Amino acid sequence: MDSYTPILVFGVEIDPSEIKNANHKNGQLKFDVDGINLGIIKRPIQAIEIDKRVSKLKISKSSEEEIINAQKRPTDPSISTAIKDAPYTTYIGNDDQTQRRNTEIKSELDDELLQNVRLEVTYNFTVTNNSEKDYSTVEFYRYGTTASQLFDENVIKISPTNIVDYLDKQTNYAITSEANENNGWTIVTDLNSLKDIVMDDVLKSKNIKQTSVYKTEKLGNEKIAPGDNTTLQMEVERRMTSAKDQSDTNVVNQVEIVQVEKTDESNNEMQVKGMPLINPEDGKYITCGNYVPSVQRTTTSSGETTDLEAKNADEPDSSMAESVLVVASTGGNRNYIPYIGVAITALVAIAGGVYFIRKKLTK
């Protein structure tokens, strides 16, 4: 952001005794004027962050019988604690926001349980205004009026007017979900409709074409003050009916704030327009709409994958939730147990028969 200072015009009285301190250049007598303070100060940083986490995991049979039902407790920062009490399921990795790209929630089910099951995942989004407190009044900058003397309505607030979610194509948005209806999510069928809020590099990337894109303007009217936050939710589902579904269930979901507005309660934009967002962690600019989602694609029958990595993932206006994996149990197929029982019974019978025949022949 540029700052401009008006030209200062003032006279200098020449003291012959101090003429030696002057600089003589090009036939003109010039003086070095010290001690001038123009009053330029660093403007408070404007920053926003979104944090996306799995808040509920449910796996049920076609008969609606629940196999797994884990839900984040209100006092817990993530679902990791609830997962410890859930059967067949583990939380692998770090639930910290900066480390969550390598974190997964893994459910291992026996083959018989994997037939015609339904996976439901609920995500919780927390949008936080991490800005330093700033004011939209001239008194704050022109006259040095202290913050305590200003009304709260003059505090600059941030509204996330557009949020875009990238969901893997194999997972479905739960259309009839009450949470989805209340949070205003709509599917984006034409990527060009995002050209005003998402950068061209994102729209032209291979990655975005491998995802289902949703957006919401639900928080556009919420003015979040520095230090405050607000939340959103989304519910998705996936039905596993085929062998491919059972071996390739990896639910990946990512999100970015692509557009924000900064105003005070009076909608005063005098001191707000043009102010950039800055990451307070490293001082770098935050560019809304530049996040390229990561994509994991299965390329071989053995399950090896090729990743299309995310770009600009270090900015706090984007977030990736924990990956959710549902796989066949590594404990192996227990269907062999009845066959082992039959084999043992047959061996016992044969051994017994041989014993009695040999005993009879020796008499």
Protein backbone atom coordinates (compact mmCIF):
# COMPACT_ATOMS: atom_id res chain seq x y z
CA MET A 1 0.00 0.00 0.00
CA ASP A 2 1.38 3.46 -0.98
CA SER A 3 1.43 6.48 1.28
CA TYR A 4 1.64 10.08 0.03
CA THR A 5 2.73 13.12 2.04
CA PRO A 6 1.84 16.68 0.90
CA ILE A 7 4.70 19.03 -0.06
CA LEU A 8 5.96 20.98 2.95
CA VAL A 9 6.92 24.61 2.24
CA PHE A 10 8.84 26.58 4.90
CA GLY A 11 11.51 29.24 5.04
CA VAL A 12 15.04 28.97 6.38
CA GLU A 13 16.71 31.93 8.04
CA ILE A 14 20.38 32.19 7.06
CA ASP A 15 22.77 32.73 9.92
CA PRO A 16 26.15 33.89 8.52
CA SER A 17 27.91 32.25 11.45
CA GLU A 18 26.50 28.88 10.42
CA ILE A 19 27.04 29.29 6.68
CA LYS A 20 29.76 26.67 6.89
CA ASN A 21 27.11 24.02 7.61
CA ALA A 22 25.42 24.66 4.31
CA ASN A 23 25.91 22.63 1.13
CA HIS A 24 26.90 24.61 -1.91
CA LYS A 25 25.81 22.87 -5.10
CA ASN A 26 25.19 24.16 -8.61
CA GLY A 27 25.53 27.73 -7.41
CA GLN A 28 22.66 27.36 -4.95
CA LEU A 29 22.85 27.60 -1.20
CA LYS A 30 21.10 24.59 0.41
CA PHE A 31 20.77 23.48 3.99
CA ASP A 32 20.24 20.06 5.56
CA VAL A 33 17.11 20.28 7.69
CA ASP A 34 17.04 17.71 10.49
CA GLY A 35 14.47 16.67 13.05
CA ILE A 36 11.46 16.48 10.73
CA ASN A 37 9.06 13.63 11.69
CA LEU A 38 6.47 12.97 9.00
CA GLY A 39 4.45 10.73 11.32
CA ILE A 40 4.45 7.67 9.06
CA ILE A 41 3.49 4.53 11.03
CA LYS A 42 2.98 0.89 10.12
CA ARG A 43 -0.66 0.11 9.59
CA PRO A 44 -2.18 -2.72 11.68
CA ILE A 45 -2.04 -6.06 9.86
CA GLN A 46 -5.26 -7.42 8.36
CA ALA A 47 -5.40 -11.24 8.38
CA ILE A 48 -7.99 -14.00 8.12
CA GLU A 49 -7.77 -17.76 8.64
CA ILE A 50 -10.01 -20.73 7.92
CA ASP A 51 -9.61 -24.05 9.72
CA LYS A 52 -11.44 -27.12 8.42
CA ARG A 53 -11.80 -30.31 10.50
CA VAL A 54 -13.80 -33.50 10.49
CA SER A 55 -16.36 -33.12 13.28
CA LYS A 56 -18.37 -36.33 12.77
CA LEU A 57 -17.74 -39.72 11.17
CA LYS A 58 -20.51 -42.25 10.70
CA ILE A 59 -20.46 -45.61 8.90
CA SER A 60 -23.66 -47.64 8.74
CA LYS A 61 -25.09 -50.68 6.96
CA SER A 62 -27.83 -50.47 4.36
CA SER A 63 -30.20 -51.45 7.16
CA GLU A 64 -29.20 -48.19 8.95
CA GLU A 65 -27.44 -50.22 11.64
CA GLU A 66 -24.48 -48.16 12.83
CA ILE A 67 -20.97 -49.61 12.66
CA ILE A 68 -19.08 -46.45 13.63
CA ASN A 69 -20.42 -43.18 15.00
CA ALA A 70 -17.76 -40.77 16.30
CA GLN A 71 -18.46 -37.11 16.97
CA LYS A 72 -16.20 -34.32 18.21
CA ARG A 73 -17.00 -33.23 21.73
CA PRO A 74 -17.61 -29.49 22.22
CA THR A 75 -14.64 -29.18 24.59
CA ASP A 76 -12.18 -30.98 22.29
CA PRO A 77 -10.19 -29.16 19.59
CA SER A 78 -10.65 -32.03 17.12
CA ILE A 79 -12.33 -35.39 16.64
CA SER A 80 -9.11 -37.25 17.54
CA THR A 81 -10.23 -37.87 21.13
CA ALA A 82 -13.60 -39.28 20.06
CA ILE A 83 -11.88 -41.51 17.49
CA LYS A 84 -9.96 -43.25 20.30
CA ASP A 85 -13.29 -44.60 21.60
CA ALA A 86 -14.61 -45.61 18.17
CA PRO A 87 -14.29 -49.26 16.99
CA TYR A 88 -12.11 -50.19 14.00
CA THR A 89 -10.86 -46.58 13.64
CA THR A 90 -7.61 -44.71 14.31
CA TYR A 91 -6.49 -41.08 14.04
CA ILE A 92 -3.10 -41.01 12.33
CA GLY A 93 -0.99 -37.86 12.35
CA ASN A 94 -1.15 -34.41 13.90
CA ASP A 95 -4.43 -32.55 14.33
CA ASP A 96 -2.62 -29.20 14.23
CA GLN A 97 -3.74 -27.00 11.30
CA THR A 98 -0.24 -26.67 9.81
CA GLN A 99 0.40 -30.43 9.89
CA ARG A 100 -3.00 -31.77 8.88
CA ARG A 101 -2.17 -32.44 5.22
CA ASN A 102 -0.51 -35.66 6.32
CA THR A 103 -3.27 -36.61 8.78
CA GLU A 104 -5.89 -39.26 8.18
CA ILE A 105 -8.80 -40.97 9.92
CA LYS A 106 -8.59 -44.64 9.00
CA SER A 107 -11.35 -47.23 9.49
CA GLU A 108 -10.50 -50.89 8.92
CA LEU A 109 -13.55 -53.12 8.48
CA ASP A 110 -13.90 -56.85 7.86
CA ASP A 111 -14.94 -57.82 4.36
CA GLU A 112 -18.45 -58.78 5.43
CA LEU A 113 -18.97 -55.34 6.98
CA LEU A 114 -17.85 -53.55 3.82
CA GLN A 115 -20.79 -54.79 1.79
CA ASN A 116 -23.26 -51.99 1.02
CA VAL A 117 -22.19 -49.54 3.68
CA ARG A 118 -22.73 -45.79 3.81
CA LEU A 119 -20.03 -43.36 4.87
CA GLU A 120 -21.11 -39.95 6.22
CA VAL A 121 -18.64 -37.19 7.11
CA THR A 122 -19.47 -33.82 8.67
CA TYR A 123 -16.95 -30.98 8.41
CA ASN A 124 -16.72 -27.93 10.63
CA PHE A 125 -15.19 -24.71 9.26
CA THR A 126 -13.93 -22.03 11.64
CA VAL A 127 -13.20 -18.60 10.14
CA THR A 128 -11.10 -16.38 12.41
CA ASN A 129 -10.16 -12.72 12.05
CA ASN A 130 -6.50 -12.62 13.14
CA SER A 131 -6.12 -8.91 12.34
CA GLU A 132 -4.59 -6.33 14.60
CA LYS A 133 -7.20 -3.83 15.71
CA ASP A 134 -7.62 -0.97 13.24
CA TYR A 135 -10.12 1.87 12.95
CA SER A 136 -11.86 3.56 10.03
CA THR A 137 -11.94 7.04 11.56
CA VAL A 138 -9.60 9.91 10.71
CA GLU A 139 -9.20 10.67 14.40
CA PHE A 140 -7.14 7.52 14.88
CA TYR A 141 -4.52 8.44 12.27
CA ARG A 142 -4.77 12.23 12.01
CA TYR A 143 -5.10 13.24 15.63
CA GLY A 144 -3.69 10.25 17.48
CA THR A 145 -6.95 9.44 19.25
CA THR A 146 -6.33 6.32 21.32
CA ALA A 147 -8.23 3.11 20.70
CA SER A 148 -10.02 3.30 24.04
CA GLN A 149 -11.60 6.58 22.98
CA LEU A 150 -13.11 5.18 19.78
CA PHE A 151 -16.42 3.41 19.47
CA ASP A 152 -16.49 -0.29 18.63
CA GLU A 153 -18.48 0.51 15.51
CA ASN A 154 -15.35 2.09 14.03
CA VAL A 155 -13.28 -1.11 14.37
CA ILE A 156 -12.54 -2.57 10.93
CA LYS A 157 -14.14 -6.00 10.51
CA ILE A 158 -13.76 -8.70 7.84
CA SER A 159 -16.59 -10.49 6.05
CA PRO A 160 -15.75 -13.66 4.04
CA THR A 161 -18.17 -13.01 1.21
CA ASN A 162 -17.28 -16.13 -0.83
CA ILE A 163 -15.92 -19.50 0.29
CA VAL A 164 -15.12 -22.30 -2.19
CA ASP A 165 -14.91 -25.98 -1.24
CA TYR A 166 -13.10 -28.67 -3.26
CA LEU A 167 -14.44 -32.21 -2.71
CA ASP A 168 -13.13 -35.36 -4.41
CA LYS A 169 -15.42 -36.49 -7.23
CA GLN A 170 -16.12 -39.93 -5.75
CA THR A 171 -17.83 -38.41 -2.71
CA ASN A 172 -21.28 -36.85 -2.85
CA TYR A 173 -22.59 -33.69 -1.28
CA ALA A 174 -25.50 -34.61 1.03
CA ILE A 175 -28.24 -32.60 -0.70
CA THR A 176 -30.96 -33.37 1.86
CA SER A 177 -28.74 -32.58 4.83
CA GLU A 178 -30.15 -29.93 7.15
CA ALA A 179 -26.63 -28.62 7.81
CA ASN A 180 -26.00 -28.09 4.10
CA GLU A 181 -29.30 -26.29 3.58
CA ASN A 182 -28.60 -23.97 6.52
CA ASN A 183 -25.10 -23.12 5.27
CA GLY A 184 -26.03 -22.16 1.73
CA TRP A 185 -23.73 -24.49 -0.24
CA THR A 186 -24.35 -24.71 -3.97
CA ILE A 187 -22.54 -26.81 -6.58
CA VAL A 188 -20.52 -24.99 -9.23
CA THR A 189 -21.26 -26.57 -12.63
CA ASP A 190 -19.49 -23.90 -14.69
CA LEU A 191 -15.97 -23.07 -13.49
CA ASN A 192 -15.98 -19.89 -15.58
CA SER A 193 -18.59 -18.51 -13.21
CA LEU A 194 -15.79 -18.25 -10.64
CA LYS A 195 -13.47 -16.15 -12.81
CA ASP A 196 -14.14 -13.00 -10.79
CA ILE A 197 -13.18 -14.59 -7.47
CA VAL A 198 -10.76 -17.43 -8.41
CA MET A 199 -7.50 -16.89 -10.29
CA ASP A 200 -7.03 -18.19 -13.85
CA ASP A 201 -4.15 -20.49 -12.81
CA VAL A 202 -6.56 -22.33 -10.52
CA LEU A 203 -9.39 -22.59 -13.04
CA LYS A 204 -7.02 -23.90 -15.74
CA SER A 205 -5.26 -26.42 -13.48
CA LYS A 206 -5.64 -30.17 -13.87
CA ASN A 207 -6.30 -30.41 -10.15
CA ILE A 208 -9.58 -28.53 -10.03
CA LYS A 209 -11.02 -30.67 -12.81
CA GLN A 210 -10.57 -33.71 -10.55
CA THR A 211 -12.79 -32.22 -7.84
CA SER A 212 -16.40 -31.25 -7.30
CA VAL A 213 -16.57 -27.54 -6.51
CA TYR A 214 -19.05 -25.92 -4.11
CA LYS A 215 -19.37 -22.37 -2.88
CA THR A 216 -21.28 -20.43 -0.25
CA GLU A 217 -21.93 -16.76 0.50
CA LYS A 218 -23.46 -17.57 3.89
CA LEU A 219 -20.93 -15.51 5.87
CA GLY A 220 -21.04 -12.48 3.56
CA ASN A 221 -23.19 -10.50 5.98
CA GLU A 222 -21.22 -11.42 9.08
CA LYS A 223 -18.70 -8.81 10.18
CA ILE A 224 -15.99 -10.56 12.17
CA ALA A 225 -14.07 -8.33 14.56
CA PRO A 226 -10.35 -8.91 15.28
CA GLY A 227 -9.99 -11.94 17.55
CA ASP A 228 -13.50 -13.24 16.83
CA ASN A 229 -14.59 -16.20 14.70
CA THR A 230 -17.63 -17.78 13.11
CA THR A 231 -18.41 -21.27 11.81
CA LEU A 232 -19.85 -23.21 8.89
CA GLN A 233 -20.65 -26.87 8.29
CA MET A 234 -20.82 -29.28 5.38
CA GLU A 235 -21.98 -32.90 5.20
CA VAL A 236 -20.90 -35.39 2.53
CA GLU A 237 -21.61 -39.05 1.95
CA ARG A 238 -20.35 -42.02 0.00
CA ARG A 239 -21.93 -45.42 -0.60
CA MET A 240 -19.66 -48.42 -1.05
CA THR A 241 -21.26 -51.19 -3.06
CA SER A 242 -18.48 -52.52 -5.30
CA ALA A 243 -15.01 -53.94 -4.78
CA LYS A 244 -13.54 -50.75 -6.25
CA ASP A 245 -15.43 -48.64 -3.72
CA GLN A 246 -14.09 -50.79 -0.91
CA SER A 247 -10.47 -50.53 -2.05
CA ASP A 248 -10.42 -46.89 -3.11
CA THR A 249 -12.27 -44.99 -0.38
CA ASN A 250 -10.26 -41.88 0.41
CA VAL A 251 -12.37 -38.80 1.12
CA VAL A 252 -10.38 -35.58 0.60
CA ASN A 253 -11.91 -32.15 1.20
CA GLN A 254 -10.28 -28.70 0.96
CA VAL A 255 -11.51 -25.13 1.24
CA GLU A 256 -10.43 -21.54 0.55
CA ILE A 257 -11.80 -18.11 1.33
CA VAL A 258 -11.78 -16.55 -2.14
CA GLN A 259 -13.27 -13.14 -1.43
CA VAL A 260 -13.50 -10.80 1.55
CA GLU A 261 -14.88 -7.37 2.34
CA LYS A 262 -13.52 -5.07 5.04
CA THR A 263 -15.83 -2.47 6.57
CA ASP A 264 -16.88 -1.11 9.94
CA GLU A 265 -20.39 -1.19 11.36
CA SER A 266 -21.19 2.01 9.48
CA ASN A 267 -20.00 0.51 6.15
CA ASN A 268 -17.30 3.19 6.10
CA GLU A 269 -14.72 2.22 3.50
CA MET A 270 -12.61 5.39 3.70
CA GLN A 271 -9.69 3.67 5.47
CA VAL A 272 -10.46 0.15 4.28
CA LYS A 273 -10.43 -0.05 0.49
CA GLY A 274 -7.24 -1.49 -0.96
CA MET A 275 -5.83 -2.81 2.30
CA PRO A 276 -4.07 -6.14 1.67
CA LEU A 277 -4.34 -9.27 3.82
CA ILE A 278 -1.05 -10.32 5.41
CA ASN A 279 -0.04 -13.57 7.08
CA PRO A 280 1.04 -12.54 10.60
CA GLU A 281 3.27 -15.63 10.82
CA ASP A 282 5.65 -14.70 8.01
CA GLY A 283 4.58 -11.23 6.89
CA LYS A 284 3.73 -12.42 3.36
CA TYR A 285 0.66 -11.30 1.46
CA ILE A 286 -2.46 -13.47 1.47
CA THR A 287 -4.01 -13.75 -1.99
CA CYS A 288 -7.60 -14.93 -1.92
CA GLY A 289 -8.56 -17.24 -4.79
CA ASN A 290 -5.09 -18.60 -5.60
CA TYR A 291 -5.29 -22.00 -3.87
CA VAL A 292 -4.89 -25.01 -6.18
CA PRO A 293 -6.35 -28.12 -4.46
CA SER A 294 -4.34 -31.31 -4.15
CA VAL A 295 -5.66 -34.46 -5.81
CA GLN A 296 -4.83 -38.10 -5.16
CA ARG A 297 -5.54 -40.43 -8.08
CA THR A 298 -5.30 -44.22 -8.17
CA THR A 299 -3.18 -45.25 -11.16
CA THR A 300 -2.53 -48.98 -10.70
CA SER A 301 -4.49 -52.03 -9.63
CA SER A 302 -2.18 -52.40 -6.64
CA GLY A 303 -3.37 -49.06 -5.27
CA GLU A 304 -0.31 -46.94 -6.01
CA THR A 305 -1.21 -43.30 -6.40
CA THR A 306 0.06 -40.24 -8.18
CA ASP A 307 -0.46 -36.96 -6.35
CA LEU A 308 -1.23 -33.60 -7.89
CA GLU A 309 0.11 -31.41 -5.12
CA ALA A 310 -1.60 -28.31 -3.81
CA LYS A 311 -0.23 -24.86 -4.57
CA ASN A 312 -0.20 -21.84 -2.25
CA ALA A 313 -1.19 -24.12 0.60
CA ASP A 314 0.88 -22.14 3.11
CA GLU A 315 -1.60 -19.27 3.19
CA PRO A 316 -4.04 -19.29 6.14
CA ASP A 317 -7.06 -18.52 3.94
CA SER A 318 -7.08 -22.19 2.82
CA SER A 319 -7.35 -25.43 4.77
CA MET A 320 -7.43 -29.18 4.19
CA ALA A 321 -9.38 -31.43 6.54
CA GLU A 322 -8.19 -34.84 7.67
CA SER A 323 -8.40 -37.48 4.91
CA VAL A 324 -10.95 -40.22 5.66
CA LEU A 325 -9.99 -43.75 4.60
CA VAL A 326 -12.15 -46.86 4.76
CA VAL A 327 -10.26 -50.06 3.94
CA ALA A 328 -10.50 -53.81 4.39
CA SER A 329 -9.08 -55.04 7.66
CA THR A 330 -5.39 -55.94 7.56
CA GLY A 331 -6.20 -58.78 9.92
CA GLY A 332 -7.03 -60.89 6.90
CA ASN A 333 -10.08 -62.84 5.83
CA ARG A 334 -11.48 -64.94 8.67
CA ASN A 335 -13.72 -66.97 6.33
CA TYR A 336 -11.05 -69.65 6.27
CA ILE A 337 -11.84 -70.69 9.87
CA PRO A 338 -14.79 -73.03 9.00
CA TYR A 339 -12.63 -74.76 6.39
CA ILE A 340 -9.87 -75.33 8.90
CA GLY A 341 -12.41 -76.89 11.27
CA VAL A 342 -13.65 -79.25 8.57
CA ALA A 343 -10.07 -80.20 7.66
CA ILE A 344 -9.14 -80.94 11.28
CA THR A 345 -12.27 -83.06 11.74
CA ALA A 346 -11.48 -85.02 8.58
CA LEU A 347 -7.87 -85.63 9.68
CA VAL A 348 -9.04 -86.84 13.09
CA ALA A 349 -11.51 -89.19 11.44
CA ILE A 350 -8.89 -90.58 9.05
CA ALA A 351 -6.35 -91.02 11.84
CA GLY A 352 -8.92 -92.78 13.98
CA GLY A 353 -9.90 -95.09 11.13
CA VAL A 354 -6.28 -96.01 10.38
CA TYR A 355 -5.68 -96.74 14.08
CA PHE A 356 -8.63 -99.13 14.41
CA ILE A 357 -7.84 -100.88 11.11
CA ARG A 358 -4.20 -101.47 12.11
CA LYS A 359 -5.28 -102.65 15.55
CA LYS A 360 -7.71 -105.14 14.01
CA LEU A 361 -5.13 -106.50 11.57
CA THR A 362 -2.60 -107.14 14.32
CA LYS A 363 -4.95 -109.42 16.28
